[in-house]
Amino acid sequence: MSHVVDFQDVSTTGLESSPVAEALAGLRANEARYFKNKYDHTFTVETAEEASDLVEYVDTVLLEERDLTIAARPLEATSFEADGTRWTYVFYEDGLAINVMYALEDGGKRAVGFKLSDGMEVPEELADKFKFARQKSKLAGTIRGSFFVIKGTYDV
């Protein structure tokens, strides 16, 4: 069942099994606020089981682009189009959030972003491959993020 992510009254609904549930909820709310303010998009998520095709899509991009497999269990996912770009998010139990930004027009920006919830360790599979920059968020505390550019072509 899908639910709207409220960035004014942050809730851990759907993320309760995470050891950093509060921080992950703040990270998810931070993303919801960004898309509401920038694109007037209401950020809605589904359980990873309901959105298994989205989790599989993100897994495929990670594997084919960087030979990466995420060890953590996916909890929630969403996908939507905003301003000619397909955004796909997966939120993981360990506090990791991955987004695939994929411009629908050839030649547009296409990248994978990683965000780490406040209080979580860098996942082993990412530790040696990426450097993480820090940013402050009122909703999420300190977010560490990194990204890479997508070189291949994927159906979205």
N, C-alpha and C. Protein backbone atom coordinates (compact mmCIF):
# COMPACT_ATOMS: atom_id res chain seq x y z
N MET A 1 0.84 -1.18 0.00
CA MET A 1 0.00 0.00 0.00
C MET A 1 0.89 1.25 0.00
N SER A 2 0.59 2.18 -0.86
CA SER A 2 1.40 3.38 -0.96
C SER A 2 0.98 4.41 0.08
N HIS A 3 1.92 5.28 0.44
CA HIS A 3 1.56 6.38 1.33
C HIS A 3 2.39 7.62 0.99
N VAL A 4 1.78 8.77 1.24
CA VAL A 4 2.41 10.05 0.99
C VAL A 4 3.40 10.33 2.11
N VAL A 5 4.58 10.79 1.74
CA VAL A 5 5.60 11.16 2.72
C VAL A 5 5.34 12.60 3.16
N ASP A 6 5.06 12.76 4.45
CA ASP A 6 4.78 14.07 5.02
C ASP A 6 6.08 14.67 5.54
N PHE A 7 6.48 15.81 4.99
CA PHE A 7 7.74 16.42 5.44
C PHE A 7 7.52 17.46 6.54
N GLN A 8 6.27 17.68 6.91
CA GLN A 8 6.00 18.59 8.03
C GLN A 8 5.84 17.83 9.34
N ASP A 9 5.25 16.66 9.27
CA ASP A 9 5.11 15.79 10.44
C ASP A 9 5.80 14.47 10.08
N VAL A 10 7.12 14.41 10.28
CA VAL A 10 7.94 13.29 9.85
C VAL A 10 7.56 12.01 10.60
N SER A 11 7.37 10.95 9.85
CA SER A 11 6.94 9.67 10.41
C SER A 11 7.88 8.55 9.96
N THR A 12 8.08 7.56 10.83
CA THR A 12 8.91 6.41 10.49
C THR A 12 8.08 5.29 9.85
N THR A 13 6.83 5.54 9.52
CA THR A 13 5.98 4.52 8.92
C THR A 13 6.68 3.88 7.72
N GLY A 14 6.75 2.55 7.75
CA GLY A 14 7.40 1.79 6.68
C GLY A 14 8.88 1.58 6.89
N LEU A 15 9.46 2.30 7.85
CA LEU A 15 10.91 2.25 8.08
C LEU A 15 11.25 1.73 9.48
N GLU A 16 10.26 1.25 10.20
CA GLU A 16 10.42 0.90 11.61
C GLU A 16 11.52 -0.12 11.87
N SER A 17 11.80 -1.01 10.93
CA SER A 17 12.81 -2.05 11.15
C SER A 17 14.24 -1.54 11.01
N SER A 18 14.41 -0.31 10.56
CA SER A 18 15.75 0.25 10.39
C SER A 18 16.34 0.65 11.74
N PRO A 19 17.63 0.34 11.95
CA PRO A 19 18.28 0.78 13.19
C PRO A 19 18.43 2.30 13.25
N VAL A 20 18.29 2.99 12.13
CA VAL A 20 18.35 4.45 12.08
C VAL A 20 17.04 5.00 11.51
N ALA A 21 15.92 4.43 11.97
CA ALA A 21 14.60 4.76 11.41
C ALA A 21 14.30 6.25 11.45
N GLU A 22 14.59 6.92 12.56
CA GLU A 22 14.31 8.35 12.67
C GLU A 22 15.09 9.14 11.63
N ALA A 23 16.38 8.85 11.50
CA ALA A 23 17.22 9.56 10.54
C ALA A 23 16.81 9.24 9.10
N LEU A 24 16.47 7.98 8.83
CA LEU A 24 16.03 7.60 7.49
C LEU A 24 14.70 8.27 7.15
N ALA A 25 13.81 8.37 8.14
CA ALA A 25 12.54 9.08 7.93
C ALA A 25 12.80 10.55 7.61
N GLY A 26 13.78 11.14 8.29
CA GLY A 26 14.15 12.52 8.01
C GLY A 26 14.73 12.69 6.62
N LEU A 27 15.54 11.73 6.20
CA LEU A 27 16.11 11.75 4.85
C LEU A 27 15.00 11.63 3.80
N ARG A 28 14.08 10.71 4.03
CA ARG A 28 12.95 10.53 3.11
C ARG A 28 12.11 11.81 3.05
N ALA A 29 11.87 12.43 4.21
CA ALA A 29 11.10 13.68 4.27
C ALA A 29 11.84 14.82 3.57
N ASN A 30 13.16 14.84 3.69
CA ASN A 30 13.97 15.84 3.01
C ASN A 30 13.78 15.74 1.49
N GLU A 31 13.77 14.52 0.98
CA GLU A 31 13.55 14.31 -0.46
C GLU A 31 12.13 14.75 -0.84
N ALA A 32 11.16 14.42 -0.01
CA ALA A 32 9.77 14.80 -0.28
C ALA A 32 9.62 16.32 -0.34
N ARG A 33 10.27 17.01 0.58
CA ARG A 33 10.20 18.48 0.60
C ARG A 33 10.84 19.06 -0.66
N TYR A 34 11.99 18.53 -1.06
CA TYR A 34 12.66 19.01 -2.26
C TYR A 34 11.75 18.91 -3.49
N PHE A 35 11.14 17.75 -3.69
CA PHE A 35 10.31 17.57 -4.88
C PHE A 35 9.01 18.37 -4.81
N LYS A 36 8.49 18.59 -3.63
CA LYS A 36 7.29 19.42 -3.49
C LYS A 36 7.63 20.87 -3.83
N ASN A 37 8.75 21.36 -3.28
CA ASN A 37 9.13 22.75 -3.51
C ASN A 37 9.60 23.01 -4.94
N LYS A 38 10.35 22.10 -5.51
CA LYS A 38 10.91 22.32 -6.85
C LYS A 38 9.93 22.00 -7.98
N TYR A 39 9.17 20.90 -7.84
CA TYR A 39 8.32 20.43 -8.94
C TYR A 39 6.84 20.34 -8.58
N ASP A 40 6.46 20.71 -7.36
CA ASP A 40 5.10 20.55 -6.86
C ASP A 40 4.63 19.10 -6.98
N HIS A 41 5.57 18.18 -6.71
CA HIS A 41 5.28 16.74 -6.76
C HIS A 41 5.08 16.21 -5.34
N THR A 42 4.02 15.44 -5.16
CA THR A 42 3.77 14.79 -3.88
C THR A 42 4.49 13.45 -3.87
N PHE A 43 5.45 13.32 -2.97
CA PHE A 43 6.33 12.14 -2.88
C PHE A 43 5.57 11.00 -2.20
N THR A 44 5.31 9.94 -2.94
CA THR A 44 4.56 8.79 -2.45
C THR A 44 5.42 7.54 -2.59
N VAL A 45 5.46 6.71 -1.55
CA VAL A 45 6.27 5.49 -1.58
C VAL A 45 5.40 4.26 -1.39
N GLU A 46 5.92 3.13 -1.86
CA GLU A 46 5.29 1.83 -1.68
C GLU A 46 6.28 0.92 -0.98
N THR A 47 5.80 -0.17 -0.44
CA THR A 47 6.72 -1.14 0.14
C THR A 47 7.59 -1.70 -0.99
N ALA A 48 8.77 -2.16 -0.64
CA ALA A 48 9.68 -2.72 -1.65
C ALA A 48 9.05 -3.94 -2.31
N GLU A 49 8.25 -4.69 -1.56
CA GLU A 49 7.58 -5.86 -2.15
C GLU A 49 6.60 -5.44 -3.24
N GLU A 50 5.84 -4.38 -2.97
CA GLU A 50 4.87 -3.90 -3.97
C GLU A 50 5.58 -3.26 -5.17
N ALA A 51 6.74 -2.71 -4.93
CA ALA A 51 7.48 -2.01 -5.98
C ALA A 51 8.73 -2.81 -6.38
N SER A 52 8.60 -4.12 -6.41
CA SER A 52 9.77 -4.97 -6.71
C SER A 52 10.38 -4.66 -8.08
N ASP A 53 9.57 -4.22 -9.04
CA ASP A 53 10.10 -3.86 -10.35
C ASP A 53 11.04 -2.65 -10.26
N LEU A 54 10.74 -1.73 -9.36
CA LEU A 54 11.60 -0.55 -9.17
C LEU A 54 12.92 -0.93 -8.50
N VAL A 55 12.83 -1.81 -7.50
CA VAL A 55 14.03 -2.29 -6.82
C VAL A 55 14.90 -3.04 -7.82
N GLU A 56 14.29 -3.85 -8.65
CA GLU A 56 15.03 -4.60 -9.67
C GLU A 56 15.69 -3.66 -10.69
N TYR A 57 15.00 -2.60 -11.07
CA TYR A 57 15.55 -1.60 -11.99
C TYR A 57 16.81 -0.96 -11.40
N VAL A 58 16.73 -0.52 -10.13
CA VAL A 58 17.89 0.08 -9.47
C VAL A 58 19.02 -0.93 -9.35
N ASP A 59 18.68 -2.16 -8.97
CA ASP A 59 19.69 -3.23 -8.87
C ASP A 59 20.40 -3.44 -10.21
N THR A 60 19.65 -3.43 -11.29
CA THR A 60 20.21 -3.64 -12.63
C THR A 60 21.17 -2.52 -13.00
N VAL A 61 20.76 -1.27 -12.76
CA VAL A 61 21.63 -0.14 -13.09
C VAL A 61 22.93 -0.22 -12.28
N LEU A 62 22.83 -0.51 -10.98
CA LEU A 62 24.02 -0.61 -10.14
C LEU A 62 24.96 -1.72 -10.60
N LEU A 63 24.37 -2.87 -10.92
CA LEU A 63 25.17 -4.02 -11.33
C LEU A 63 25.86 -3.77 -12.67
N GLU A 64 25.11 -3.28 -13.65
CA GLU A 64 25.66 -3.09 -14.98
C GLU A 64 26.63 -1.91 -15.07
N GLU A 65 26.37 -0.86 -14.30
CA GLU A 65 27.22 0.33 -14.37
C GLU A 65 28.48 0.21 -13.52
N ARG A 66 28.36 -0.36 -12.32
CA ARG A 66 29.49 -0.36 -11.38
C ARG A 66 29.74 -1.70 -10.70
N ASP A 67 29.10 -2.76 -11.18
CA ASP A 67 29.26 -4.09 -10.59
C ASP A 67 28.98 -4.07 -9.08
N LEU A 68 27.92 -3.36 -8.70
CA LEU A 68 27.53 -3.20 -7.30
C LEU A 68 26.27 -3.99 -6.99
N THR A 69 26.28 -4.62 -5.83
CA THR A 69 25.08 -5.26 -5.30
C THR A 69 24.92 -4.75 -3.87
N ILE A 70 23.77 -4.20 -3.55
CA ILE A 70 23.51 -3.66 -2.22
C ILE A 70 23.08 -4.80 -1.31
N ALA A 71 23.76 -4.90 -0.17
CA ALA A 71 23.49 -5.99 0.76
C ALA A 71 22.25 -5.75 1.62
N ALA A 72 21.95 -4.50 1.90
CA ALA A 72 20.83 -4.18 2.79
C ALA A 72 19.49 -4.52 2.16
N ARG A 73 18.51 -4.77 3.01
CA ARG A 73 17.16 -5.09 2.55
C ARG A 73 16.42 -3.81 2.15
N PRO A 74 15.85 -3.77 0.94
CA PRO A 74 15.05 -2.61 0.55
C PRO A 74 13.74 -2.58 1.34
N LEU A 75 13.35 -1.39 1.78
CA LEU A 75 12.10 -1.24 2.53
C LEU A 75 11.01 -0.58 1.71
N GLU A 76 11.37 0.48 0.99
CA GLU A 76 10.38 1.23 0.21
C GLU A 76 10.99 1.70 -1.10
N ALA A 77 10.10 2.01 -2.05
CA ALA A 77 10.55 2.51 -3.35
C ALA A 77 9.48 3.40 -3.95
N THR A 78 9.91 4.22 -4.89
CA THR A 78 8.99 5.08 -5.63
C THR A 78 9.62 5.43 -6.97
N SER A 79 8.80 5.78 -7.92
CA SER A 79 9.28 6.26 -9.21
C SER A 79 8.25 7.24 -9.76
N PHE A 80 8.74 8.32 -10.36
CA PHE A 80 7.86 9.35 -10.89
C PHE A 80 8.63 10.18 -11.91
N GLU A 81 7.89 10.92 -12.70
CA GLU A 81 8.51 11.80 -13.68
C GLU A 81 8.29 13.24 -13.24
N ALA A 82 9.37 14.04 -13.33
CA ALA A 82 9.29 15.46 -13.02
C ALA A 82 10.18 16.21 -14.01
N ASP A 83 9.59 17.12 -14.74
CA ASP A 83 10.33 17.99 -15.66
C ASP A 83 11.20 17.22 -16.64
N GLY A 84 10.66 16.15 -17.23
CA GLY A 84 11.38 15.39 -18.25
C GLY A 84 12.42 14.41 -17.72
N THR A 85 12.40 14.19 -16.41
CA THR A 85 13.34 13.25 -15.79
C THR A 85 12.57 12.22 -15.00
N ARG A 86 12.96 10.96 -15.15
CA ARG A 86 12.39 9.87 -14.36
C ARG A 86 13.25 9.72 -13.13
N TRP A 87 12.64 9.82 -11.96
CA TRP A 87 13.32 9.64 -10.67
C TRP A 87 12.85 8.33 -10.06
N THR A 88 13.77 7.49 -9.65
CA THR A 88 13.45 6.24 -8.97
C THR A 88 14.25 6.19 -7.68
N TYR A 89 13.56 5.97 -6.59
CA TYR A 89 14.19 5.91 -5.27
C TYR A 89 13.97 4.55 -4.63
N VAL A 90 14.98 4.09 -3.91
CA VAL A 90 14.84 2.92 -3.03
C VAL A 90 15.45 3.30 -1.68
N PHE A 91 14.70 3.05 -0.62
CA PHE A 91 15.15 3.29 0.75
C PHE A 91 15.42 1.94 1.40
N TYR A 92 16.62 1.80 1.98
CA TYR A 92 17.08 0.51 2.51
C TYR A 92 17.08 0.51 4.05
N GLU A 93 17.00 -0.69 4.59
CA GLU A 93 16.90 -0.88 6.04
C GLU A 93 18.09 -0.31 6.80
N ASP A 94 19.28 -0.34 6.21
CA ASP A 94 20.47 0.16 6.92
C ASP A 94 20.55 1.69 6.97
N GLY A 95 19.64 2.39 6.26
CA GLY A 95 19.62 3.84 6.24
C GLY A 95 20.06 4.45 4.93
N LEU A 96 20.41 3.62 3.97
CA LEU A 96 20.83 4.07 2.64
C LEU A 96 19.62 4.43 1.79
N ALA A 97 19.75 5.52 1.03
CA ALA A 97 18.75 5.87 0.02
C ALA A 97 19.49 5.98 -1.31
N ILE A 98 18.97 5.32 -2.33
CA ILE A 98 19.55 5.40 -3.67
C ILE A 98 18.51 5.97 -4.60
N ASN A 99 18.96 6.92 -5.44
CA ASN A 99 18.05 7.43 -6.48
C ASN A 99 18.73 7.31 -7.83
N VAL A 100 17.92 6.99 -8.82
CA VAL A 100 18.36 6.99 -10.20
C VAL A 100 17.63 8.14 -10.89
N MET A 101 18.42 9.12 -11.33
CA MET A 101 17.92 10.28 -12.06
C MET A 101 18.18 9.99 -13.54
N TYR A 102 17.13 9.90 -14.34
CA TYR A 102 17.29 9.46 -15.71
C TYR A 102 16.50 10.37 -16.65
N ALA A 103 17.21 11.27 -17.33
CA ALA A 103 16.56 12.16 -18.29
C ALA A 103 15.94 11.33 -19.40
N LEU A 104 14.71 11.63 -19.75
CA LEU A 104 14.02 10.86 -20.78
C LEU A 104 14.49 11.25 -22.19
N GLU A 105 15.02 12.44 -22.33
CA GLU A 105 15.53 12.90 -23.61
C GLU A 105 17.00 12.48 -23.76
N ASP A 106 17.37 12.00 -24.93
CA ASP A 106 18.77 11.63 -25.17
C ASP A 106 19.67 12.83 -24.90
N GLY A 107 20.81 12.56 -24.28
CA GLY A 107 21.77 13.61 -23.99
C GLY A 107 21.52 14.34 -22.67
N GLY A 108 20.43 14.01 -22.00
CA GLY A 108 20.14 14.65 -20.72
C GLY A 108 20.92 14.02 -19.58
N LYS A 109 20.80 14.61 -18.40
CA LYS A 109 21.54 14.11 -17.23
C LYS A 109 20.98 12.77 -16.77
N ARG A 110 21.91 11.86 -16.49
CA ARG A 110 21.55 10.54 -15.97
C ARG A 110 22.59 10.16 -14.94
N ALA A 111 22.14 9.89 -13.72
CA ALA A 111 23.09 9.59 -12.64
C ALA A 111 22.43 8.76 -11.56
N VAL A 112 23.25 8.13 -10.75
CA VAL A 112 22.81 7.41 -9.56
C VAL A 112 23.35 8.17 -8.36
N GLY A 113 22.47 8.46 -7.40
CA GLY A 113 22.88 9.15 -6.19
C GLY A 113 22.72 8.25 -4.98
N PHE A 114 23.66 8.37 -4.06
CA PHE A 114 23.62 7.63 -2.80
C PHE A 114 23.52 8.65 -1.68
N LYS A 115 22.63 8.42 -0.73
CA LYS A 115 22.56 9.26 0.46
C LYS A 115 22.54 8.35 1.67
N LEU A 116 23.36 8.71 2.66
CA LEU A 116 23.47 7.94 3.89
C LEU A 116 22.79 8.68 5.02
N SER A 117 21.92 7.99 5.73
CA SER A 117 21.24 8.58 6.87
C SER A 117 22.23 8.89 7.98
N ASP A 118 21.92 9.91 8.76
CA ASP A 118 22.73 10.29 9.91
C ASP A 118 22.86 9.09 10.86
N GLY A 119 24.08 8.77 11.26
CA GLY A 119 24.30 7.70 12.22
C GLY A 119 24.61 6.34 11.63
N MET A 120 24.51 6.18 10.32
CA MET A 120 24.82 4.89 9.72
C MET A 120 26.26 4.87 9.21
N GLU A 121 26.83 3.68 9.16
CA GLU A 121 28.16 3.51 8.59
C GLU A 121 28.04 3.45 7.07
N VAL A 122 29.11 3.78 6.38
CA VAL A 122 29.13 3.64 4.92
C VAL A 122 29.07 2.14 4.62
N PRO A 123 28.11 1.71 3.81
CA PRO A 123 28.03 0.28 3.48
C PRO A 123 29.33 -0.23 2.88
N GLU A 124 29.70 -1.44 3.25
CA GLU A 124 30.95 -2.04 2.80
C GLU A 124 31.10 -2.01 1.28
N GLU A 125 29.99 -2.28 0.58
CA GLU A 125 30.06 -2.34 -0.89
C GLU A 125 30.31 -0.97 -1.53
N LEU A 126 30.14 0.12 -0.77
CA LEU A 126 30.37 1.47 -1.30
C LEU A 126 31.63 2.12 -0.75
N ALA A 127 32.13 1.62 0.36
CA ALA A 127 33.20 2.29 1.12
C ALA A 127 34.46 2.56 0.30
N ASP A 128 34.92 1.63 -0.49
CA ASP A 128 36.15 1.81 -1.25
C ASP A 128 35.94 2.43 -2.62
N LYS A 129 34.68 2.61 -3.02
CA LYS A 129 34.40 3.05 -4.38
C LYS A 129 33.95 4.50 -4.49
N PHE A 130 33.49 5.09 -3.37
CA PHE A 130 32.94 6.44 -3.42
C PHE A 130 33.40 7.27 -2.24
N LYS A 131 33.55 8.56 -2.47
CA LYS A 131 33.78 9.52 -1.41
C LYS A 131 32.46 10.24 -1.17
N PHE A 132 32.15 10.47 0.09
CA PHE A 132 30.86 11.06 0.45
C PHE A 132 31.04 12.47 0.99
N ALA A 133 30.31 13.41 0.40
CA ALA A 133 30.29 14.79 0.87
C ALA A 133 29.17 14.94 1.89
N ARG A 134 29.34 15.88 2.82
CA ARG A 134 28.35 16.10 3.87
C ARG A 134 27.50 17.32 3.57
N GLN A 135 26.23 17.22 3.92
CA GLN A 135 25.35 18.38 3.86
C GLN A 135 24.44 18.34 5.08
N LYS A 136 24.03 19.50 5.54
CA LYS A 136 23.14 19.60 6.69
C LYS A 136 21.71 19.74 6.20
N SER A 137 20.81 19.12 6.96
CA SER A 137 19.38 19.20 6.65
C SER A 137 18.62 19.35 7.95
N LYS A 138 17.65 20.26 7.99
CA LYS A 138 16.82 20.42 9.18
C LYS A 138 16.03 19.15 9.47
N LEU A 139 15.62 18.47 8.42
CA LEU A 139 14.82 17.25 8.58
C LEU A 139 15.66 16.01 8.85
N ALA A 140 16.86 15.96 8.28
CA ALA A 140 17.63 14.71 8.30
C ALA A 140 18.96 14.79 9.04
N GLY A 141 19.28 15.93 9.66
CA GLY A 141 20.57 16.05 10.32
C GLY A 141 21.68 16.15 9.28
N THR A 142 22.73 15.38 9.43
CA THR A 142 23.82 15.37 8.46
C THR A 142 23.60 14.24 7.47
N ILE A 143 23.53 14.61 6.20
CA ILE A 143 23.38 13.63 5.12
C ILE A 143 24.74 13.54 4.43
N ARG A 144 25.20 12.32 4.18
CA ARG A 144 26.40 12.13 3.37
C ARG A 144 25.95 11.61 2.02
N GLY A 145 26.48 12.20 0.96
CA GLY A 145 26.04 11.81 -0.37
C GLY A 145 27.17 11.64 -1.35
N SER A 146 26.90 10.86 -2.38
CA SER A 146 27.82 10.65 -3.48
C SER A 146 27.00 10.28 -4.71
N PHE A 147 27.65 10.22 -5.87
CA PHE A 147 26.93 9.86 -7.10
C PHE A 147 27.90 9.38 -8.16
N PHE A 148 27.33 8.81 -9.21
CA PHE A 148 28.10 8.54 -10.42
C PHE A 148 27.19 8.74 -11.62
N VAL A 149 27.81 9.07 -12.75
CA VAL A 149 27.08 9.30 -13.99
C VAL A 149 26.78 7.96 -14.65
N ILE A 150 25.56 7.81 -15.15
CA ILE A 150 25.15 6.59 -15.87
C ILE A 150 25.61 6.72 -17.32
N LYS A 151 26.29 5.70 -17.80
CA LYS A 151 26.80 5.70 -19.18
C LYS A 151 25.89 4.88 -20.12
N GLY A 152 25.23 3.86 -19.57
CA GLY A 152 24.39 2.99 -20.40
C GLY A 152 22.99 3.54 -20.60
N THR A 153 22.20 2.76 -21.31
CA THR A 153 20.81 3.11 -21.59
C THR A 153 19.91 2.08 -20.93
N TYR A 154 18.89 2.55 -20.24
CA TYR A 154 18.00 1.65 -19.49
C TYR A 154 16.56 2.05 -19.74
N ASP A 155 15.68 1.07 -19.80
CA ASP A 155 14.26 1.35 -19.90
C ASP A 155 13.77 1.80 -18.54
N VAL A 156 13.03 2.88 -18.54
CA VAL A 156 12.52 3.41 -17.28
C VAL A 156 11.02 3.25 -17.20
